[in-house]
Amino acid sequence: MKHPYELEDIEDYHHGRMTDAERIAFEEVLADNAGLQKELEAVQAQEDIMAYLRKEALMEEMEKWGKEKEEAKRKKASGSGKVIPLRRRTLLAIAASLALIIAAYFLLQSPNSKYAQYAAANINTLVGTLASPDNRAVAPNDSGHYERAVKFFQKGQYQKVIDMEQSDETSNFTYLLALSLFHEKKYGAAAEKFNSITQDLNFGYDAEWGEILSLTAQLPATCDILRTKLEAIERDESHHYNKQVSSWKTAIDWPKTCPQ
């Protein structure tokens, strides 16, 4: 059933950002509109899945950090490369698939925000690049600064990460900051932060793709800059995300979205 609400309105209701009058009007429509009910359920499900993916990805990184030396010894002795339990890998794969299905649903249901939804469904694939506390550049007088930022990020407290910006200019924190800005829907600022570390040896490729996703969320206003950056990735066959450009173009319906 059709209704007058966009995805942003549904998210505002879900997060309690509506005024009392807006909430009452929304709930009046919600009570009798099966379509709106399903879209609200999808928003709730997507956020649950994204929170799960974020938590699991960070737990995976923490496991790697804690077992780094032990893992190296085990690989040398037996050649085993197992790090993540099979159950966790399976759950991550299922959760990621569900997130993409939900995003695809909104690509059809909410055309005005479909680009941001696609970008949001893919941004958490970049979380695994977060730097290990034992293998990163350390800011002066760090005192656990980065670790605190990671904990805020893990809890979904993105604004607290953003508020820490002035005290850390290292590339690993900048990467975490860019992810946090994206989650706060500050896509322009996120794109700038990702762009600032695209030459970094540890974050380069992922930062470039993070910038692509941040620009994607701003379509169609960013067609020209996206065209330039995507062409550069396509020309570089060694680029980590070279093969993903074609699937990105299909999902975004590139020729129709940004006709030349």
Protein backbone atom coordinates (compact mmCIF):
# COMPACT_ATOMS: atom_id res chain seq x y z
CA MET A 1 0.00 0.00 0.00
CA LYS A 2 1.23 3.46 -0.86
CA HIS A 3 1.90 6.02 1.84
CA PRO A 4 3.39 9.53 2.02
CA TYR A 5 6.55 8.62 3.95
CA GLU A 6 10.14 8.32 2.68
CA LEU A 7 12.81 6.09 4.18
CA GLU A 8 14.26 9.04 6.14
CA ASP A 9 10.88 9.53 7.80
CA ILE A 10 10.71 5.87 8.79
CA GLU A 11 14.21 6.05 10.24
CA ASP A 12 13.31 9.24 12.13
CA TYR A 13 10.34 7.45 13.66
CA HIS A 14 12.43 4.40 14.51
CA HIS A 15 15.05 6.55 16.27
CA GLY A 16 12.52 8.79 18.03
CA ARG A 17 13.50 11.91 16.10
CA MET A 18 9.95 12.95 15.20
CA THR A 19 8.01 15.61 17.04
CA ASP A 20 4.94 14.45 18.96
CA ALA A 21 2.67 15.68 16.19
CA GLU A 22 4.72 13.93 13.50
CA ARG A 23 4.83 10.71 15.52
CA ILE A 24 1.07 10.68 16.08
CA ALA A 25 0.41 11.28 12.37
CA PHE A 26 2.90 8.57 11.42
CA GLU A 27 1.34 6.04 13.79
CA GLU A 28 -2.13 6.77 12.45
CA VAL A 29 -0.97 5.78 8.96
CA LEU A 30 1.11 2.90 10.32
CA ALA A 31 -1.89 1.31 12.04
CA ASP A 32 -3.74 0.73 8.76
CA ASN A 33 -0.95 0.50 6.18
CA ALA A 34 0.63 -2.93 5.73
CA GLY A 35 3.27 -1.54 3.37
CA LEU A 36 4.51 0.98 5.91
CA GLN A 37 4.51 -1.69 8.61
CA LYS A 38 6.74 -3.92 6.46
CA GLU A 39 9.13 -1.06 5.69
CA LEU A 40 9.46 -0.23 9.38
CA GLU A 41 10.17 -3.89 10.13
CA ALA A 42 12.81 -3.87 7.38
CA VAL A 43 14.50 -0.80 8.88
CA GLN A 44 14.57 -2.45 12.30
CA ALA A 45 15.92 -5.69 10.84
CA GLN A 46 18.61 -3.93 8.81
CA GLU A 47 19.88 -2.02 11.84
CA ASP A 48 19.99 -5.21 13.89
CA ILE A 49 21.98 -6.94 11.14
CA MET A 50 24.36 -4.01 10.72
CA ALA A 51 24.97 -3.87 14.46
CA TYR A 52 25.70 -7.60 14.43
CA LEU A 53 28.11 -7.27 11.49
CA ARG A 54 29.90 -4.37 13.16
CA LYS A 55 30.25 -6.27 16.44
CA GLU A 56 31.39 -9.49 14.79
CA ALA A 57 33.91 -7.75 12.54
CA LEU A 58 35.46 -5.95 15.48
CA MET A 59 35.46 -9.14 17.57
CA GLU A 60 37.26 -10.83 14.71
CA GLU A 61 39.91 -8.12 14.72
CA MET A 62 40.34 -8.37 18.48
CA GLU A 63 40.79 -12.14 18.19
CA LYS A 64 43.47 -11.61 15.57
CA TRP A 65 45.23 -9.03 17.72
CA GLY A 66 45.29 -11.27 20.77
CA LYS A 67 46.40 -14.39 18.93
CA GLU A 68 48.86 -12.82 16.49
CA LYS A 69 52.00 -14.42 17.85
CA GLU A 70 50.31 -17.73 18.56
CA GLU A 71 48.89 -17.78 15.05
CA ALA A 72 52.28 -17.18 13.45
CA LYS A 73 53.76 -20.07 15.40
CA ARG A 74 50.89 -22.39 14.52
CA LYS A 75 51.09 -21.55 10.83
CA LYS A 76 54.81 -22.19 10.81
CA ALA A 77 54.38 -25.52 12.57
CA SER A 78 51.32 -26.92 10.81
CA GLY A 79 50.40 -24.63 7.92
CA SER A 80 46.97 -24.04 9.46
CA GLY A 81 45.47 -20.66 8.63
CA LYS A 82 42.26 -20.90 10.61
CA VAL A 83 41.51 -17.75 12.58
CA ILE A 84 37.74 -17.32 12.68
CA PRO A 85 35.57 -20.23 13.90
CA LEU A 86 33.45 -21.77 11.13
CA ARG A 87 30.23 -20.88 12.91
CA ARG A 88 31.20 -17.19 13.03
CA ARG A 89 32.23 -17.13 9.38
CA THR A 90 28.91 -18.73 8.44
CA LEU A 91 26.88 -16.29 10.52
CA LEU A 92 28.77 -13.33 9.08
CA ALA A 93 28.08 -14.54 5.55
CA ILE A 94 24.37 -15.03 6.29
CA ALA A 95 24.08 -11.64 8.00
CA ALA A 96 25.84 -9.89 5.12
CA SER A 97 23.52 -11.56 2.62
CA LEU A 98 20.45 -10.52 4.60
CA ALA A 99 21.71 -6.95 4.79
CA LEU A 100 22.11 -6.83 1.01
CA ILE A 101 18.61 -8.28 0.52
CA ILE A 102 17.14 -5.58 2.74
CA ALA A 103 19.12 -2.92 0.90
CA ALA A 104 17.82 -4.27 -2.42
CA TYR A 105 14.28 -4.02 -1.04
CA PHE A 106 14.77 -0.32 -0.37
CA LEU A 107 16.33 0.21 -3.79
CA LEU A 108 12.86 -0.61 -5.11
CA GLN A 109 10.74 0.95 -2.37
CA SER A 110 12.53 4.26 -1.75
CA PRO A 111 14.08 5.59 -4.96
CA ASN A 112 15.05 8.95 -3.41
CA SER A 113 17.34 7.31 -0.88
CA LYS A 114 18.30 4.10 -2.68
CA TYR A 115 21.90 5.19 -3.21
CA ALA A 116 22.50 5.88 0.48
CA GLN A 117 20.89 2.53 1.31
CA TYR A 118 23.17 0.67 -1.09
CA ALA A 119 26.23 2.44 0.32
CA ALA A 120 25.16 1.70 3.91
CA ALA A 121 24.68 -1.98 3.11
CA ASN A 122 28.29 -2.20 1.93
CA ILE A 123 30.21 0.14 4.24
CA ASN A 124 30.61 -2.43 7.02
CA THR A 125 32.73 -4.60 4.75
CA LEU A 126 35.47 -2.02 5.39
CA VAL A 127 35.48 -2.40 9.18
CA GLY A 128 37.96 -5.28 9.07
CA THR A 129 40.74 -2.89 8.03
CA LEU A 130 40.80 -1.20 11.44
CA ALA A 131 44.38 -1.18 12.67
CA SER A 132 45.66 -3.50 15.37
CA PRO A 133 46.69 -1.64 18.54
CA ASP A 134 50.07 -3.34 18.27
CA ASN A 135 50.66 -2.52 14.61
CA ARG A 136 49.76 1.10 13.97
CA ALA A 137 51.04 4.64 14.14
CA VAL A 138 50.61 6.09 17.61
CA ALA A 139 49.65 9.70 18.23
CA PRO A 140 51.65 11.71 20.77
CA ASN A 141 50.33 11.20 24.30
CA ASP A 142 47.93 8.57 22.94
CA SER A 143 47.16 6.90 26.31
CA GLY A 144 44.72 4.42 24.81
CA HIS A 145 43.05 7.06 22.64
CA TYR A 146 42.56 4.80 19.63
CA GLU A 147 41.31 1.89 21.74
CA ARG A 148 38.67 4.16 23.30
CA ALA A 149 37.61 5.31 19.85
CA VAL A 150 37.26 1.70 18.70
CA LYS A 151 35.06 0.91 21.70
CA PHE A 152 32.84 3.91 20.95
CA PHE A 153 32.59 2.75 17.34
CA GLN A 154 31.74 -0.80 18.39
CA LYS A 155 28.90 0.51 20.54
CA GLY A 156 27.57 2.63 17.68
CA GLN A 157 28.54 5.85 19.47
CA TYR A 158 29.84 7.47 16.30
CA GLN A 159 29.50 11.06 17.45
CA LYS A 160 31.87 10.37 20.33
CA VAL A 161 34.46 9.17 17.80
CA ILE A 162 33.89 12.33 15.77
CA ASP A 163 34.33 14.48 18.89
CA MET A 164 37.81 12.95 19.38
CA GLU A 165 39.05 14.16 15.98
CA GLN A 166 41.31 17.02 17.06
CA SER A 167 43.44 14.84 19.34
CA ASP A 168 44.50 12.22 16.78
CA GLU A 169 45.68 12.75 13.20
CA THR A 170 47.04 9.24 12.56
CA SER A 171 45.79 7.38 9.50
CA ASN A 172 44.18 4.59 11.51
CA PHE A 173 42.09 7.06 13.50
CA THR A 174 41.25 9.01 10.33
CA TYR A 175 39.92 5.80 8.81
CA LEU A 176 37.79 5.11 11.90
CA LEU A 177 36.63 8.73 11.85
CA ALA A 178 35.58 8.46 8.19
CA LEU A 179 33.52 5.35 8.97
CA SER A 180 31.88 7.15 11.90
CA LEU A 181 31.05 10.19 9.77
CA PHE A 182 29.47 7.89 7.21
CA HIS A 183 27.29 6.23 9.86
CA GLU A 184 26.19 9.69 11.00
CA LYS A 185 25.17 10.36 7.38
CA LYS A 186 27.78 13.09 7.01
CA TYR A 187 28.71 11.70 3.63
CA GLY A 188 30.61 14.72 2.31
CA ALA A 189 32.87 14.87 5.36
CA ALA A 190 33.33 11.09 5.25
CA ALA A 191 34.42 11.26 1.60
CA GLU A 192 37.00 13.94 2.47
CA LYS A 193 38.47 11.89 5.32
CA PHE A 194 38.65 8.72 3.24
CA ASN A 195 40.30 10.70 0.43
CA SER A 196 42.96 12.06 2.79
CA ILE A 197 44.40 8.56 3.39
CA THR A 198 44.04 6.98 -0.07
CA GLN A 199 47.84 7.01 -0.39
CA ASP A 200 48.34 5.23 2.94
CA LEU A 201 50.02 1.81 2.59
CA ASN A 202 47.64 0.15 5.06
CA PHE A 203 44.36 1.81 4.16
CA GLY A 204 44.77 2.95 0.54
CA TYR A 205 42.44 0.65 -1.39
CA ASP A 206 39.82 0.46 1.35
CA ALA A 207 39.92 4.23 1.83
CA GLU A 208 39.35 4.68 -1.91
CA TRP A 209 36.33 2.38 -1.80
CA GLY A 210 35.06 4.11 1.32
CA GLU A 211 35.23 7.36 -0.60
CA ILE A 212 33.33 5.74 -3.48
CA LEU A 213 30.58 4.59 -1.11
CA SER A 214 30.42 8.03 0.53
CA LEU A 215 30.04 9.63 -2.90
CA THR A 216 27.49 6.98 -3.85
CA ALA A 217 25.30 8.06 -0.94
CA GLN A 218 25.23 11.56 -2.45
CA LEU A 219 24.13 10.55 -5.95
CA PRO A 220 23.15 11.90 -8.40
CA ALA A 221 24.98 15.09 -7.37
CA THR A 222 28.34 13.30 -7.41
CA CYS A 223 28.15 11.71 -10.87
CA ASP A 224 31.12 13.55 -12.37
CA ILE A 225 33.61 12.89 -9.58
CA LEU A 226 32.47 9.27 -9.31
CA ARG A 227 32.96 8.76 -13.03
CA THR A 228 36.56 9.99 -12.78
CA LYS A 229 37.41 7.86 -9.75
CA LEU A 230 35.74 4.70 -11.06
CA GLU A 231 37.53 4.98 -14.39
CA ALA A 232 40.85 5.16 -12.52
CA ILE A 233 40.01 2.01 -10.54
CA GLU A 234 38.93 0.19 -13.72
CA ARG A 235 42.24 1.05 -15.42
CA ASP A 236 44.21 -0.38 -12.50
CA GLU A 237 43.77 -4.14 -12.82
CA SER A 238 45.74 -4.69 -9.63
CA HIS A 239 43.32 -2.55 -7.61
CA HIS A 240 41.68 -4.53 -4.82
CA TYR A 241 38.23 -3.28 -5.85
CA ASN A 242 38.72 -3.44 -9.63
CA LYS A 243 36.28 -6.35 -10.03
CA GLN A 244 33.63 -4.74 -7.86
CA VAL A 245 33.14 -1.72 -10.08
CA SER A 246 30.97 -3.65 -12.56
CA SER A 247 28.65 -4.99 -9.84
CA TRP A 248 28.51 -1.49 -8.33
CA LYS A 249 27.43 -0.06 -11.69
CA THR A 250 24.74 -2.72 -12.05
CA ALA A 251 23.33 -2.12 -8.57
CA ILE A 252 23.31 1.65 -9.04
CA ASP A 253 21.99 1.41 -12.61
CA TRP A 254 24.90 3.61 -13.61
CA PRO A 255 23.95 4.51 -17.22
CA LYS A 256 20.51 5.68 -16.10
CA THR A 257 21.66 7.36 -12.91
CA CYS A 258 24.54 9.25 -14.49
CA PRO A 259 24.02 9.44 -18.26
CA GLN A 260 26.86 11.02 -20.21
